Each structure stands twice: as C-alpha cells, then as structure tokens.
Amino acid sequence: MKKSLLVFIAVLITVSGFAQKTADVGIWGGASTYWGDLKQIDYAQSVNPLYGAFFRYNFNARYGARMMYLTGNMSAVGYMEGTRWEFPFRNVRNEVPEIKNYPDLMEDFLDYAPKRIHNILFMVEINYLKYILGLKKTPVSPYIMAGLGIMYYPYQLVPNTPLAESDIPLSFPDNFNEVYNIGISKFNPLQNKDDFAREESVTTLSIPFGMGVKTHIGPRFGIGVEFIIQKLFDDKLDNLDDPLAHINPIGDEITYSNLLHNNDFTAYLGINLTYKIYLGKEICPAYESKN
C-alpha cells in the first residue's frame, strides 16, 4: 500500500513538473432540474436557476482537475402513485389566508422552507481534443468529466396527511386537499415513517458526471457549455425517503431504498466563462502545444 502511494505521488509530481503551469477560474450559470420518485413531472414548474464558480488546474492539454461550487433552489411538481406531490411544500400560511382563522389547523402544517441546494464537486476533466485556452492551434474541444461531490440541503418529512378530507373547512380553496394537504400516507397508508412531521438538514455524497464543449474568446478568456448529472447517495431530496416502504399486515417492515439503490438525481445545464491564470512563469506557446 505504501509503495503504491509513493508511486502515485512520484507520478503526480512528475506530471505536474512537465505539464503546463496554468489554471482557469470561472463563473457558471444555468438551470437545474430533478429526476427521482416523482412521475409525470411538470417541467414548466420544475426548472430553477443555478449558479456558481470553479477552479480548474490543467495538467496538460488533455487532462485537468476541477473544484466547483453550485447553488440554487430545487423544486418539482409531479405525481407519486397517482397522488399529486411537490417539493418544497407550498406556503400554506401565505397562499391560503383563511387558515389563519383556524390556529389549531396551522399547527398541522410545517413552515414553508425553500429547498436551497449547495454542491461542492471535485471532478477530473478529459478533453477529446488537445485544448489550451488562448492557443490558436487548439481552438475548441469537447470534454467529459466525472468525480465525487457533496450536497447539502433541507429536508421536510410529512408522514401523515395533516387533515382528513372531511375536516377541511368549506372556506378553503377547492384545490386545498390536492395541493396543500399532502403526506406520505395519502398514497401509502401503511407507511413506516411514524406519525411526526419534522425537518432536518441533509449532507450527502454524490457522483457527478457530464460532458461539454469549450472554446476561447481571447488569449485568456474562454467559454463553454456543459451538462452535468449528479447521482445522490440518499433519497430525501424530494421529501420522499423510500416512499413506498411500509409495514405489512404481519408487522414486517418492507423497504426498497438503501445507500446505493435510490432514485434521486439532479441535472444541470449551463454556460461557463473562464479566465486563464499562470501558476509561475508564463510558458512559451511552442512548448504548450507539445503537451
């Protein structure tokens, strides 16, 4: 193990010593959406702005390593087992002012909380063609990337439907039961989540991977378009954690999700603007083109 580690370090030092000493800093802007347990997703209501920044170290004209931060709100509207479901949950207190006349009912609903996601991604980037930002001989290249990430976001669990349909006041909107009065028990009466609504913060590992194409718009500026998919190692992003898990009639708990097998993915499409910086003395373009 120690020998392998020493060999890896030696190779890394050697590659770094002869590679181009450049890096890119950049900003990123685009859109995000979600794929998971929900079906028939209404993408008109399920796409949100996303933005961030990144640092990319270029080992040579083919390979680089990127550290990236992306943040934005995440939401989706769809159906779970034929029941309308959306996250984050709607702001009942603001959207249904009549509920303020029923303080006891207000306690049955969680406070509205936007689902703000925070991503830190570490990825290896491989250019299909040789590419050095600003070098005329390498004007454009498609690329692929993959790595590991960490995502942080808020999670709200509502196991039981807050109100029985017969208890909804007549003064409430006609769509109240469908849009606001939702809980896992509405589509899974035997749910295994107990009876208590709660909120927590989630930090989970992820596997990001994607592809893109980049070109330069000057000696030090570049622009690119890329698409990233992120596989999460938990199932809570949509406020549905193993939503079909249940207690069967003989008292056994039946589950379907675990650390490796769950349904939550995020997808990002965006444009990045990069600026080239030199880590040391500026390198001769003739030398750069050989890497």
C-alpha atoms as a PDB file:
ATOM      1  CA  MET A   1       0.000   0.000   0.000  1.00  0.00           C
ATOM      2  CA  LYS A   2       2.817   2.399   0.951  1.00  0.00           C
ATOM      3  CA  LYS A   3       4.717   1.576  -2.244  1.00  0.00           C
ATOM      4  CA  SER A   4       1.620   2.244  -4.355  1.00  0.00           C
ATOM      5  CA  LEU A   5       1.107   5.578  -2.605  1.00  0.00           C
ATOM      6  CA  LEU A   6       4.742   6.581  -3.193  1.00  0.00           C
ATOM      7  CA  VAL A   7       4.488   5.631  -6.875  1.00  0.00           C
ATOM      8  CA  PHE A   8       1.289   7.674  -7.227  1.00  0.00           C
ATOM      9  CA  ILE A   9       2.909  10.711  -5.585  1.00  0.00           C
ATOM     10  CA  ALA A  10       6.005  10.369  -7.775  1.00  0.00           C
ATOM     11  CA  VAL A  11       3.916  10.186 -10.951  1.00  0.00           C
ATOM     12  CA  LEU A  12       1.844  13.183  -9.853  1.00  0.00           C
ATOM     13  CA  ILE A  13       4.968  15.249  -9.153  1.00  0.00           C
ATOM     14  CA  THR A  14       6.499  14.232 -12.488  1.00  0.00           C
ATOM     15  CA  VAL A  15       3.362  15.082 -14.469  1.00  0.00           C
ATOM     16  CA  SER A  16       2.980  18.387 -12.633  1.00  0.00           C
ATOM     17  CA  GLY A  17       6.617  19.235 -13.239  1.00  0.00           C
ATOM     18  CA  PHE A  18       6.370  18.903 -17.005  1.00  0.00           C
ATOM     19  CA  ALA A  19       2.777  19.987 -17.528  1.00  0.00           C
ATOM     20  CA  GLN A  20       1.608  23.431 -18.391  1.00  0.00           C
ATOM     21  CA  LYS A  21       1.504  25.550 -15.265  1.00  0.00           C
ATOM     22  CA  THR A  22      -1.876  27.085 -15.904  1.00  0.00           C
ATOM     23  CA  ALA A  23      -5.246  27.086 -14.257  1.00  0.00           C
ATOM     24  CA  ASP A  24      -8.633  28.546 -15.012  1.00  0.00           C
ATOM     25  CA  VAL A  25     -11.021  30.338 -12.714  1.00  0.00           C
ATOM     26  CA  GLY A  26     -14.574  30.704 -13.853  1.00  0.00           C
ATOM     27  CA  ILE A  27     -18.178  31.511 -13.180  1.00  0.00           C
ATOM     28  CA  TRP A  28     -21.089  29.236 -14.055  1.00  0.00           C
ATOM     29  CA  GLY A  29     -24.755  29.982 -14.724  1.00  0.00           C
ATOM     30  CA  GLY A  30     -27.609  27.832 -15.910  1.00  0.00           C
ATOM     31  CA  ALA A  31     -30.599  25.779 -14.843  1.00  0.00           C
ATOM     32  CA  SER A  32     -31.289  22.712 -12.722  1.00  0.00           C
ATOM     33  CA  THR A  33     -33.973  20.064 -12.515  1.00  0.00           C
ATOM     34  CA  TYR A  34     -34.687  16.819 -10.699  1.00  0.00           C
ATOM     35  CA  TRP A  35     -35.252  13.153 -11.577  1.00  0.00           C
ATOM     36  CA  GLY A  36     -36.475  10.809  -8.887  1.00  0.00           C
ATOM     37  CA  ASP A  37     -39.502   9.080  -7.412  1.00  0.00           C
ATOM     38  CA  LEU A  38     -41.985  11.503  -8.983  1.00  0.00           C
ATOM     39  CA  LYS A  39     -43.598  10.659 -12.315  1.00  0.00           C
ATOM     40  CA  GLN A  40     -45.322  12.908 -14.868  1.00  0.00           C
ATOM     41  CA  ILE A  41     -43.129  15.813 -13.772  1.00  0.00           C
ATOM     42  CA  ASP A  42     -44.327  19.239 -14.879  1.00  0.00           C
ATOM     43  CA  TYR A  43     -41.024  20.693 -16.069  1.00  0.00           C
ATOM     44  CA  ALA A  44     -42.579  24.130 -16.523  1.00  0.00           C
ATOM     45  CA  GLN A  45     -42.636  24.242 -12.705  1.00  0.00           C
ATOM     46  CA  SER A  46     -39.587  22.064 -12.083  1.00  0.00           C
ATOM     47  CA  VAL A  47     -36.657  24.028 -13.563  1.00  0.00           C
ATOM     48  CA  ASN A  48     -34.752  26.573 -11.460  1.00  0.00           C
ATOM     49  CA  PRO A  49     -31.780  28.931 -11.904  1.00  0.00           C
ATOM     50  CA  LEU A  50     -28.413  27.636 -10.709  1.00  0.00           C
ATOM     51  CA  TYR A  51     -25.098  29.472 -10.454  1.00  0.00           C
ATOM     52  CA  GLY A  52     -21.626  29.075  -9.055  1.00  0.00           C
ATOM     53  CA  ALA A  53     -17.881  29.240  -9.614  1.00  0.00           C
ATOM     54  CA  PHE A  54     -14.990  26.856 -10.190  1.00  0.00           C
ATOM     55  CA  PHE A  55     -11.224  26.438 -10.246  1.00  0.00           C
ATOM     56  CA  ARG A  56      -9.599  24.134 -12.799  1.00  0.00           C
ATOM     57  CA  TYR A  57      -5.961  23.037 -12.752  1.00  0.00           C
ATOM     58  CA  ASN A  58      -4.624  21.986 -16.158  1.00  0.00           C
ATOM     59  CA  PHE A  59      -2.116  19.133 -16.028  1.00  0.00           C
ATOM     60  CA  ASN A  60      -1.646  19.317 -19.796  1.00  0.00           C
ATOM     61  CA  ALA A  61      -3.653  19.871 -22.975  1.00  0.00           C
ATOM     62  CA  ARG A  62      -5.765  16.754 -22.345  1.00  0.00           C
ATOM     63  CA  TYR A  63      -6.321  16.474 -18.606  1.00  0.00           C
ATOM     64  CA  GLY A  64      -7.447  18.769 -15.832  1.00  0.00           C
ATOM     65  CA  ALA A  65      -8.941  18.673 -12.342  1.00  0.00           C
ATOM     66  CA  ARG A  66     -11.830  20.880 -11.321  1.00  0.00           C
ATOM     67  CA  MET A  67     -13.247  22.009  -7.972  1.00  0.00           C
ATOM     68  CA  MET A  68     -16.700  23.553  -8.346  1.00  0.00           C
ATOM     69  CA  TYR A  69     -19.384  25.154  -6.178  1.00  0.00           C
ATOM     70  CA  LEU A  70     -23.004  25.338  -7.397  1.00  0.00           C
ATOM     71  CA  THR A  71     -26.058  26.618  -5.557  1.00  0.00           C
ATOM     72  CA  GLY A  72     -29.704  27.395  -6.249  1.00  0.00           C
ATOM     73  CA  ASN A  73     -33.248  26.388  -5.367  1.00  0.00           C
ATOM     74  CA  MET A  74     -34.580  22.963  -6.290  1.00  0.00           C
ATOM     75  CA  SER A  75     -38.270  22.178  -6.820  1.00  0.00           C
ATOM     76  CA  ALA A  76     -40.530  19.825  -8.744  1.00  0.00           C
ATOM     77  CA  VAL A  77     -44.213  19.100  -9.314  1.00  0.00           C
ATOM     78  CA  GLY A  78     -45.323  15.608 -10.293  1.00  0.00           C
ATOM     79  CA  TYR A  79     -47.207  12.537  -9.152  1.00  0.00           C
ATOM     80  CA  MET A  80     -46.390   9.753  -6.726  1.00  0.00           C
ATOM     81  CA  GLU A  81     -48.564   6.652  -7.124  1.00  0.00           C
ATOM     82  CA  GLY A  82     -51.220   8.830  -8.779  1.00  0.00           C
ATOM     83  CA  THR A  83     -51.150  11.431  -5.986  1.00  0.00           C
ATOM     84  CA  ARG A  84     -50.012  14.974  -6.759  1.00  0.00           C
ATOM     85  CA  TRP A  85     -46.770  15.786  -4.937  1.00  0.00           C
ATOM     86  CA  GLU A  86     -44.458  18.755  -4.994  1.00  0.00           C
ATOM     87  CA  PHE A  87     -41.422  19.969  -3.136  1.00  0.00           C
ATOM     88  CA  PRO A  88     -40.802  22.170  -1.359  1.00  0.00           C
ATOM     89  CA  PHE A  89     -44.217  22.048   0.260  1.00  0.00           C
ATOM     90  CA  ARG A  90     -46.425  25.030  -0.557  1.00  0.00           C
ATOM     91  CA  ASN A  91     -46.571  28.075   1.709  1.00  0.00           C
ATOM     92  CA  VAL A  92     -49.990  27.397   3.239  1.00  0.00           C
ATOM     93  CA  ARG A  93     -49.926  30.393   5.562  1.00  0.00           C
ATOM     94  CA  ASN A  94     -49.391  32.882   2.734  1.00  0.00           C
ATOM     95  CA  GLU A  95     -51.336  31.191  -0.052  1.00  0.00           C
ATOM     96  CA  VAL A  96     -54.399  30.218   1.996  1.00  0.00           C
ATOM     97  CA  PRO A  97     -55.073  33.230   4.249  1.00  0.00           C
ATOM     98  CA  GLU A  98     -58.275  31.588   5.552  1.00  0.00           C
ATOM     99  CA  ILE A  99     -56.180  29.128   7.552  1.00  0.00           C
ATOM    100  CA  LYS A 100     -55.215  31.918   9.946  1.00  0.00           C
ATOM    101  CA  ASN A 101     -58.762  31.731  11.282  1.00  0.00           C
ATOM    102  CA  TYR A 102     -58.012  28.175  12.419  1.00  0.00           C
ATOM    103  CA  PRO A 103     -54.878  28.361  14.596  1.00  0.00           C
ATOM    104  CA  ASP A 104     -55.202  24.707  15.614  1.00  0.00           C
ATOM    105  CA  LEU A 105     -55.055  23.656  11.966  1.00  0.00           C
ATOM    106  CA  MET A 106     -51.992  25.801  11.286  1.00  0.00           C
ATOM    107  CA  GLU A 107     -50.010  23.676  13.736  1.00  0.00           C
ATOM    108  CA  ASP A 108     -50.536  20.633  11.495  1.00  0.00           C
ATOM    109  CA  PHE A 109     -48.505  22.180   8.647  1.00  0.00           C
ATOM    110  CA  LEU A 110     -44.750  22.728   8.562  1.00  0.00           C
ATOM    111  CA  ASP A 111     -43.423  26.214   7.877  1.00  0.00           C
ATOM    112  CA  TYR A 112     -42.534  26.865   4.257  1.00  0.00           C
ATOM    113  CA  ALA A 113     -38.829  26.280   3.577  1.00  0.00           C
ATOM    114  CA  PRO A 114     -37.248  26.767   0.120  1.00  0.00           C
ATOM    115  CA  LYS A 115     -35.104  23.788  -0.847  1.00  0.00           C
ATOM    116  CA  ARG A 116     -31.779  25.520  -1.356  1.00  0.00           C
ATOM    117  CA  ILE A 117     -29.073  23.126  -2.508  1.00  0.00           C
ATOM    118  CA  HIS A 118     -25.336  23.623  -2.060  1.00  0.00           C
ATOM    119  CA  ASN A 119     -22.923  21.499  -4.110  1.00  0.00           C
ATOM    120  CA  ILE A 120     -19.168  21.079  -3.861  1.00  0.00           C
ATOM    121  CA  LEU A 121     -17.902  18.968  -6.754  1.00  0.00           C
ATOM    122  CA  PHE A 122     -14.441  17.525  -7.432  1.00  0.00           C
ATOM    123  CA  MET A 123     -14.079  16.235 -10.987  1.00  0.00           C
ATOM    124  CA  VAL A 124     -11.453  15.060 -13.448  1.00  0.00           C
ATOM    125  CA  GLU A 125     -11.876  16.687 -16.859  1.00  0.00           C
ATOM    126  CA  ILE A 126     -10.691  14.969 -20.046  1.00  0.00           C
ATOM    127  CA  ASN A 127     -10.533  16.812 -23.364  1.00  0.00           C
ATOM    128  CA  TYR A 128     -11.365  14.839 -26.502  1.00  0.00           C
ATOM    129  CA  LEU A 129      -9.019  17.110 -28.481  1.00  0.00           C
ATOM    130  CA  LYS A 130      -5.919  18.906 -27.275  1.00  0.00           C
ATOM    131  CA  TYR A 131      -7.050  22.196 -25.781  1.00  0.00           C
ATOM    132  CA  ILE A 132      -5.096  25.088 -24.321  1.00  0.00           C
ATOM    133  CA  LEU A 133      -7.057  28.226 -23.636  1.00  0.00           C
ATOM    134  CA  GLY A 134      -5.886  31.060 -25.880  1.00  0.00           C
ATOM    135  CA  LEU A 135      -3.748  28.923 -28.189  1.00  0.00           C
ATOM    136  CA  LYS A 136      -4.877  29.269 -31.829  1.00  0.00           C
ATOM    137  CA  LYS A 137      -3.785  25.718 -32.686  1.00  0.00           C
ATOM    138  CA  THR A 138      -6.276  24.321 -30.145  1.00  0.00           C
ATOM    139  CA  PRO A 139      -9.423  26.386 -30.705  1.00  0.00           C
ATOM    140  CA  VAL A 140     -12.128  24.045 -29.413  1.00  0.00           C
ATOM    141  CA  SER A 141     -12.662  20.689 -27.741  1.00  0.00           C
ATOM    142  CA  PRO A 142     -15.490  18.514 -26.449  1.00  0.00           C
ATOM    143  CA  TYR A 143     -14.801  17.065 -22.992  1.00  0.00           C
ATOM    144  CA  ILE A 144     -16.124  14.654 -20.401  1.00  0.00           C
ATOM    145  CA  MET A 145     -15.870  14.859 -16.623  1.00  0.00           C
ATOM    146  CA  ALA A 146     -16.623  12.757 -13.553  1.00  0.00           C
ATOM    147  CA  GLY A 147     -15.789  12.691  -9.877  1.00  0.00           C
ATOM    148  CA  LEU A 148     -17.209  12.954  -6.379  1.00  0.00           C
ATOM    149  CA  GLY A 149     -19.351  15.591  -4.736  1.00  0.00           C
ATOM    150  CA  ILE A 150     -21.063  16.690  -1.556  1.00  0.00           C
ATOM    151  CA  MET A 151     -24.568  18.160  -1.466  1.00  0.00           C
ATOM    152  CA  TYR A 152     -26.232  19.960   1.442  1.00  0.00           C
ATOM    153  CA  TYR A 153     -29.967  20.759   1.541  1.00  0.00           C
ATOM    154  CA  PRO A 154     -33.006  20.984   3.884  1.00  0.00           C
ATOM    155  CA  TYR A 155     -35.413  18.053   4.234  1.00  0.00           C
ATOM    156  CA  GLN A 156     -39.026  18.079   5.421  1.00  0.00           C
ATOM    157  CA  LEU A 157     -40.843  14.852   6.263  1.00  0.00           C
ATOM    158  CA  VAL A 158     -44.655  14.743   6.464  1.00  0.00           C
ATOM    159  CA  PRO A 159     -45.635  11.102   7.108  1.00  0.00           C
ATOM    160  CA  ASN A 160     -49.368  11.628   7.548  1.00  0.00           C
ATOM    161  CA  THR A 161     -51.795  13.814   5.627  1.00  0.00           C
ATOM    162  CA  PRO A 162     -52.342  16.775   8.001  1.00  0.00           C
ATOM    163  CA  LEU A 163     -56.160  16.870   7.706  1.00  0.00           C
ATOM    164  CA  ALA A 164     -58.862  14.352   6.974  1.00  0.00           C
ATOM    165  CA  GLU A 165     -60.741  15.483   3.892  1.00  0.00           C
ATOM    166  CA  SER A 166     -63.925  15.805   5.946  1.00  0.00           C
ATOM    167  CA  ASP A 167     -62.168  18.247   8.313  1.00  0.00           C
ATOM    168  CA  ILE A 168     -61.217  20.778   5.633  1.00  0.00           C
ATOM    169  CA  PRO A 169     -63.261  23.972   6.171  1.00  0.00           C
ATOM    170  CA  LEU A 170     -65.611  24.918   3.343  1.00  0.00           C
ATOM    171  CA  SER A 171     -63.983  28.363   3.141  1.00  0.00           C
ATOM    172  CA  PHE A 172     -60.701  26.813   1.946  1.00  0.00           C
ATOM    173  CA  PRO A 173     -59.897  26.725  -1.812  1.00  0.00           C
ATOM    174  CA  ASP A 174     -61.357  23.838  -3.803  1.00  0.00           C
ATOM    175  CA  ASN A 175     -57.871  22.509  -4.574  1.00  0.00           C
ATOM    176  CA  PHE A 176     -56.706  22.590  -0.940  1.00  0.00           C
ATOM    177  CA  ASN A 177     -56.790  18.829  -0.433  1.00  0.00           C
ATOM    178  CA  GLU A 178     -54.840  18.136  -3.629  1.00  0.00           C
ATOM    179  CA  VAL A 179     -52.240  20.916  -3.432  1.00  0.00           C
ATOM    180  CA  TYR A 180     -51.654  21.609   0.258  1.00  0.00           C
ATOM    181  CA  ASN A 181     -52.978  18.659   2.258  1.00  0.00           C
ATOM    182  CA  ILE A 182     -50.312  16.117   1.341  1.00  0.00           C
ATOM    183  CA  GLY A 183     -48.396  13.491   3.288  1.00  0.00           C
ATOM    184  CA  ILE A 184     -46.866  10.109   2.516  1.00  0.00           C
ATOM    185  CA  SER A 185     -49.888   8.288   3.962  1.00  0.00           C
ATOM    186  CA  LYS A 186     -52.016   9.787   1.177  1.00  0.00           C
ATOM    187  CA  PHE A 187     -50.549   7.300  -1.316  1.00  0.00           C
ATOM    188  CA  ASN A 188     -49.027   4.810   1.160  1.00  0.00           C
ATOM    189  CA  PRO A 189     -51.421   4.241   4.106  1.00  0.00           C
ATOM    190  CA  LEU A 190     -49.086   1.626   5.639  1.00  0.00           C
ATOM    191  CA  GLN A 191     -46.040   3.968   5.583  1.00  0.00           C
ATOM    192  CA  ASN A 192     -43.252   3.241   8.085  1.00  0.00           C
ATOM    193  CA  LYS A 193     -42.283   6.844   8.935  1.00  0.00           C
ATOM    194  CA  ASP A 194     -44.234   7.103  12.248  1.00  0.00           C
ATOM    195  CA  ASP A 195     -46.666   9.978  12.850  1.00  0.00           C
ATOM    196  CA  PHE A 196     -44.484  13.036  13.361  1.00  0.00           C
ATOM    197  CA  ALA A 197     -43.656  15.735  10.815  1.00  0.00           C
ATOM    198  CA  ARG A 198     -40.111  17.010  11.123  1.00  0.00           C
ATOM    199  CA  GLU A 199     -37.336  18.992   9.472  1.00  0.00           C
ATOM    200  CA  GLU A 200     -33.617  18.378   9.228  1.00  0.00           C
ATOM    201  CA  SER A 201     -30.552  19.242   7.175  1.00  0.00           C
ATOM    202  CA  VAL A 202     -29.017  16.616   4.922  1.00  0.00           C
ATOM    203  CA  THR A 203     -25.412  16.261   3.788  1.00  0.00           C
ATOM    204  CA  THR A 204     -24.855  13.502   1.259  1.00  0.00           C
ATOM    205  CA  LEU A 205     -22.185  12.215  -1.076  1.00  0.00           C
ATOM    206  CA  SER A 206     -22.814  12.247  -4.804  1.00  0.00           C
ATOM    207  CA  ILE A 207     -21.311  11.120  -8.093  1.00  0.00           C
ATOM    208  CA  PRO A 208     -21.327  13.920 -10.698  1.00  0.00           C
ATOM    209  CA  PHE A 209     -20.580  13.193 -14.345  1.00  0.00           C
ATOM    210  CA  GLY A 210     -21.127  15.114 -17.534  1.00  0.00           C
ATOM    211  CA  MET A 211     -19.947  16.442 -20.854  1.00  0.00           C
ATOM    212  CA  GLY A 212     -19.457  19.745 -22.602  1.00  0.00           C
ATOM    213  CA  VAL A 213     -17.688  21.725 -25.272  1.00  0.00           C
ATOM    214  CA  LYS A 214     -15.385  24.724 -24.806  1.00  0.00           C
ATOM    215  CA  THR A 215     -13.600  27.331 -26.875  1.00  0.00           C
ATOM    216  CA  HIS A 216     -11.702  30.566 -26.294  1.00  0.00           C
ATOM    217  CA  ILE A 217     -12.763  34.127 -26.989  1.00  0.00           C
ATOM    218  CA  GLY A 218      -9.382  35.747 -26.492  1.00  0.00           C
ATOM    219  CA  PRO A 219      -5.878  34.987 -25.208  1.00  0.00           C
ATOM    220  CA  ARG A 220      -7.110  34.439 -21.654  1.00  0.00           C
ATOM    221  CA  PHE A 221     -10.901  34.117 -21.791  1.00  0.00           C
ATOM    222  CA  GLY A 222     -12.864  31.014 -22.657  1.00  0.00           C
ATOM    223  CA  ILE A 223     -16.493  29.976 -22.809  1.00  0.00           C
ATOM    224  CA  GLY A 224     -18.165  26.581 -22.576  1.00  0.00           C
ATOM    225  CA  VAL A 225     -21.500  24.805 -22.465  1.00  0.00           C
ATOM    226  CA  GLU A 226     -21.906  21.710 -20.311  1.00  0.00           C
ATOM    227  CA  PHE A 227     -24.425  19.222 -18.973  1.00  0.00           C
ATOM    228  CA  ILE A 228     -23.927  17.555 -15.576  1.00  0.00           C
ATOM    229  CA  ILE A 229     -25.897  14.738 -13.962  1.00  0.00           C
ATOM    230  CA  GLN A 230     -25.491  14.096 -10.247  1.00  0.00           C
ATOM    231  CA  LYS A 231     -26.347  10.778  -8.583  1.00  0.00           C
ATOM    232  CA  LEU A 232     -27.159  11.236  -4.879  1.00  0.00           C
ATOM    233  CA  PHE A 233     -26.452   8.716  -2.134  1.00  0.00           C
ATOM    234  CA  ASP A 234     -29.702   9.391  -0.299  1.00  0.00           C
ATOM    235  CA  ASP A 235     -33.406   9.540  -1.177  1.00  0.00           C
ATOM    236  CA  LYS A 236     -34.606  12.706   0.569  1.00  0.00           C
ATOM    237  CA  LEU A 237     -34.248  15.498  -1.981  1.00  0.00           C
ATOM    238  CA  ASP A 238     -37.929  15.289  -2.995  1.00  0.00           C
ATOM    239  CA  ASN A 239     -39.105  14.996   0.651  1.00  0.00           C
ATOM    240  CA  LEU A 240     -39.781  11.330  -0.162  1.00  0.00           C
ATOM    241  CA  ASP A 241     -37.417   8.961   1.637  1.00  0.00           C
ATOM    242  CA  ASP A 242     -38.097   5.433   0.356  1.00  0.00           C
ATOM    243  CA  PRO A 243     -41.740   6.492  -0.100  1.00  0.00           C
ATOM    244  CA  LEU A 244     -43.192   3.021  -0.706  1.00  0.00           C
ATOM    245  CA  ALA A 245     -41.594   1.455   2.373  1.00  0.00           C
ATOM    246  CA  HIS A 246     -44.306   0.085   4.653  1.00  0.00           C
ATOM    247  CA  ILE A 247     -45.298  -2.244   7.460  1.00  0.00           C
ATOM    248  CA  ASN A 248     -47.018  -5.313   6.037  1.00  0.00           C
ATOM    249  CA  PRO A 249     -50.090  -6.950   7.639  1.00  0.00           C
ATOM    250  CA  ILE A 250     -47.969  -9.315   9.750  1.00  0.00           C
ATOM    251  CA  GLY A 251     -45.809  -6.493  11.125  1.00  0.00           C
ATOM    252  CA  ASP A 252     -42.701  -6.828   8.942  1.00  0.00           C
ATOM    253  CA  GLU A 253     -41.030  -3.677   7.625  1.00  0.00           C
ATOM    254  CA  ILE A 254     -40.611  -3.719   3.835  1.00  0.00           C
ATOM    255  CA  THR A 255     -38.055  -1.282   2.389  1.00  0.00           C
ATOM    256  CA  TYR A 256     -36.829  -0.606  -1.144  1.00  0.00           C
ATOM    257  CA  SER A 257     -34.045   2.001  -0.923  1.00  0.00           C
ATOM    258  CA  ASN A 258     -30.567   1.952   0.587  1.00  0.00           C
ATOM    259  CA  LEU A 259     -27.288   3.861   0.276  1.00  0.00           C
ATOM    260  CA  LEU A 260     -26.586   2.609  -3.249  1.00  0.00           C
ATOM    261  CA  HIS A 261     -30.086   1.974  -4.538  1.00  0.00           C
ATOM    262  CA  ASN A 262     -32.303   5.048  -4.563  1.00  0.00           C
ATOM    263  CA  ASN A 263     -33.939   7.236  -7.156  1.00  0.00           C
ATOM    264  CA  ASP A 264     -32.711  10.812  -6.687  1.00  0.00           C
ATOM    265  CA  PHE A 265     -30.694  12.539  -9.406  1.00  0.00           C
ATOM    266  CA  THR A 266     -30.173  16.195 -10.284  1.00  0.00           C
ATOM    267  CA  ALA A 267     -29.353  17.561 -13.739  1.00  0.00           C
ATOM    268  CA  TYR A 268     -27.642  20.863 -14.590  1.00  0.00           C
ATOM    269  CA  LEU A 269     -27.288  22.625 -17.937  1.00  0.00           C
ATOM    270  CA  GLY A 270     -25.183  25.757 -18.014  1.00  0.00           C
ATOM    271  CA  ILE A 271     -22.666  28.106 -19.571  1.00  0.00           C
ATOM    272  CA  ASN A 272     -19.288  28.882 -18.031  1.00  0.00           C
ATOM    273  CA  LEU A 273     -16.957  31.811 -18.567  1.00  0.00           C
ATOM    274  CA  THR A 274     -13.313  31.150 -17.719  1.00  0.00           C
ATOM    275  CA  TYR A 275     -10.169  33.212 -17.235  1.00  0.00           C
ATOM    276  CA  LYS A 276      -6.704  31.720 -17.629  1.00  0.00           C
ATOM    277  CA  ILE A 277      -4.082  32.308 -14.957  1.00  0.00           C
ATOM    278  CA  TYR A 278      -0.441  31.215 -14.885  1.00  0.00           C
ATOM    279  CA  LEU A 279       0.960  29.401 -11.874  1.00  0.00           C
ATOM    280  CA  GLY A 280       4.523  30.606 -12.187  1.00  0.00           C
ATOM    281  CA  LYS A 281       6.385  31.882 -15.229  1.00  0.00           C
ATOM    282  CA  GLU A 282       4.387  32.239 -18.439  1.00  0.00           C
ATOM    283  CA  ILE A 283       5.089  29.319 -20.749  1.00  0.00           C
ATOM    284  CA  CYS A 284       6.162  29.584 -24.358  1.00  0.00           C
ATOM    285  CA  PRO A 285       3.235  28.710 -26.674  1.00  0.00           C
ATOM    286  CA  ALA A 286       5.543  26.404 -28.680  1.00  0.00           C
ATOM    287  CA  TYR A 287       6.135  24.330 -25.535  1.00  0.00           C
ATOM    288  CA  GLU A 288       2.461  24.392 -24.615  1.00  0.00           C
ATOM    289  CA  SER A 289       1.412  22.991 -27.977  1.00  0.00           C
ATOM    290  CA  LYS A 290       3.536  19.865 -27.415  1.00  0.00           C
ATOM    291  CA  ASN A 291       1.697  18.918 -24.218  1.00  0.00           C
END
